């Protein structure tokens, strides 16, 4: 028998996934994918993220609805695992998790660290478009 708590948690997961289908476009960072995006000049967000980070969770709650906005449909989103990909973290010059870096035309055009303001995160993403 399924518990009420497990049922509600599963239903919430399905609801969030349905509400923010663009989140599926967020992919783990791979150097080849980043290099390809830069070479093609695609708008790109590199998100340096840690699963245990409360600021990263707050950013994810802000980014989800933004990713669902059609104006960001061409945005490539690559998530760097702060704990498992230390070499990549260093490559981007990030000192901590919750770092968001945007690229346009193969060039970094903006960066924020620890930002949880929806307006300024939206403004950061807009720099890549």
Protein backbone atom coordinates (compact mmCIF):
# COMPACT_ATOMS: atom_id res chain seq x y z
CA UNK A 1 0.00 0.00 0.00
CA UNK A 2 1.31 3.43 -0.95
CA UNK A 3 1.50 5.99 1.83
CA UNK A 4 -0.24 9.33 1.50
CA UNK A 5 3.09 11.14 1.89
CA UNK A 6 4.72 9.15 -0.92
CA UNK A 7 1.70 9.69 -3.14
CA UNK A 8 1.73 13.46 -2.55
CA UNK A 9 5.48 13.70 -3.14
CA UNK A 10 5.13 11.79 -6.41
CA UNK A 11 2.21 13.96 -7.51
CA UNK A 12 4.19 17.11 -6.74
CA UNK A 13 7.13 15.85 -8.81
CA UNK A 14 4.86 15.14 -11.76
CA UNK A 15 3.21 18.56 -11.43
CA UNK A 16 6.55 20.39 -11.37
CA UNK A 17 7.82 18.40 -14.35
CA UNK A 18 4.66 19.17 -16.30
CA UNK A 19 4.75 22.85 -15.37
CA UNK A 20 8.39 23.31 -16.37
CA UNK A 21 9.09 20.99 -19.29
CA UNK A 22 12.06 23.12 -20.38
CA UNK A 23 13.94 21.98 -17.28
CA UNK A 24 14.59 18.75 -19.16
CA UNK A 25 16.81 20.81 -21.50
CA UNK A 26 19.17 21.45 -18.62
CA UNK A 27 22.01 18.97 -19.04
CA UNK A 28 25.05 18.01 -17.01
CA UNK A 29 28.16 19.89 -18.08
CA UNK A 30 30.32 18.19 -20.67
CA UNK A 31 33.30 19.95 -22.24
CA UNK A 32 32.28 18.81 -25.73
CA UNK A 33 28.76 20.25 -25.35
CA UNK A 34 30.16 23.54 -24.05
CA UNK A 35 32.74 23.76 -26.83
CA UNK A 36 30.06 23.03 -29.44
CA UNK A 37 27.75 25.71 -28.01
CA UNK A 38 30.59 28.25 -27.98
CA UNK A 39 31.68 27.39 -31.53
CA UNK A 40 28.07 27.75 -32.75
CA UNK A 41 27.66 31.02 -30.82
CA UNK A 42 24.57 29.71 -29.01
CA UNK A 43 23.29 31.57 -25.96
CA UNK A 44 24.47 29.50 -23.01
CA UNK A 45 24.04 29.43 -19.25
CA UNK A 46 26.63 27.57 -17.17
CA UNK A 47 25.11 26.90 -13.77
CA UNK A 48 27.59 25.89 -11.05
CA UNK A 49 25.36 23.94 -8.72
CA UNK A 50 25.51 21.79 -5.59
CA UNK A 51 22.58 19.60 -4.55
CA UNK A 52 23.08 20.49 -0.87
CA UNK A 53 23.17 24.27 -1.51
CA UNK A 54 20.06 26.20 -0.37
CA UNK A 55 20.96 29.14 -2.63
CA UNK A 56 21.20 26.78 -5.62
CA UNK A 57 17.74 25.42 -4.77
CA UNK A 58 16.37 28.96 -4.63
CA UNK A 59 17.97 29.72 -7.99
CA UNK A 60 16.45 26.56 -9.50
CA UNK A 61 13.00 27.70 -8.38
CA UNK A 62 13.59 31.00 -10.21
CA UNK A 63 15.22 29.48 -13.29
CA UNK A 64 12.44 26.92 -13.89
CA UNK A 65 9.77 29.45 -14.86
CA UNK A 66 12.31 31.49 -16.82
CA UNK A 67 13.31 28.43 -18.87
CA UNK A 68 9.62 27.92 -19.68
CA UNK A 69 9.48 31.39 -21.28
CA UNK A 70 9.63 31.04 -25.10
CA UNK A 71 12.28 33.76 -25.37
CA UNK A 72 14.76 31.39 -23.67
CA UNK A 73 13.89 28.35 -25.81
CA UNK A 74 17.28 28.48 -27.58
CA UNK A 75 19.27 28.87 -24.37
CA UNK A 76 21.70 26.01 -23.79
CA UNK A 77 21.83 25.23 -20.06
CA UNK A 78 24.78 23.26 -18.73
CA UNK A 79 24.94 22.37 -15.04
CA UNK A 80 28.35 21.92 -13.43
CA UNK A 81 28.40 19.71 -10.33
CA UNK A 82 30.32 21.84 -7.83
CA UNK A 83 31.50 18.81 -5.84
CA UNK A 84 32.26 16.31 -8.61
CA UNK A 85 33.62 18.63 -11.33
CA UNK A 86 36.19 20.73 -9.45
CA UNK A 87 38.40 21.04 -12.55
CA UNK A 88 35.53 22.63 -14.48
CA UNK A 89 34.68 24.90 -11.55
CA UNK A 90 38.30 26.12 -11.59
CA UNK A 91 38.24 26.49 -15.40
CA UNK A 92 35.38 28.98 -15.05
CA UNK A 93 37.10 30.78 -12.18
CA UNK A 94 34.18 30.09 -9.85
CA UNK A 95 34.93 30.21 -6.17
CA UNK A 96 31.63 28.83 -4.98
CA UNK A 97 28.44 27.07 -5.95
CA UNK A 98 25.42 29.16 -6.98
CA UNK A 99 27.48 30.82 -9.71
CA UNK A 100 25.60 31.58 -12.93
CA UNK A 101 27.60 32.46 -16.05
CA UNK A 102 26.05 33.46 -19.39
CA UNK A 103 27.63 33.43 -22.83
CA UNK A 104 26.59 35.04 -26.10
CA UNK A 105 28.41 34.56 -29.37
CA UNK A 106 31.03 32.40 -27.66
CA UNK A 107 31.97 35.12 -25.14
CA UNK A 108 31.10 35.47 -21.46
CA UNK A 109 28.69 38.39 -21.13
CA UNK A 110 27.62 38.14 -17.50
CA UNK A 111 28.06 36.36 -14.19
CA UNK A 112 26.42 36.32 -10.77
CA UNK A 113 27.19 34.56 -7.52
CA UNK A 114 24.62 33.74 -4.86
CA UNK A 115 21.90 35.79 -6.52
CA UNK A 116 18.32 34.84 -5.67
CA UNK A 117 16.58 37.92 -7.01
CA UNK A 118 14.24 36.89 -9.86
CA UNK A 119 14.62 40.24 -11.63
CA UNK A 120 18.39 40.26 -11.70
CA UNK A 121 18.57 36.58 -12.71
CA UNK A 122 16.16 37.31 -15.59
CA UNK A 123 18.34 40.31 -16.57
CA UNK A 124 21.42 38.07 -16.51
CA UNK A 125 19.79 35.49 -18.80
CA UNK A 126 18.61 38.26 -21.14
CA UNK A 127 22.26 39.20 -21.74
CA UNK A 128 22.74 35.85 -23.47
CA UNK A 129 19.79 36.25 -25.84
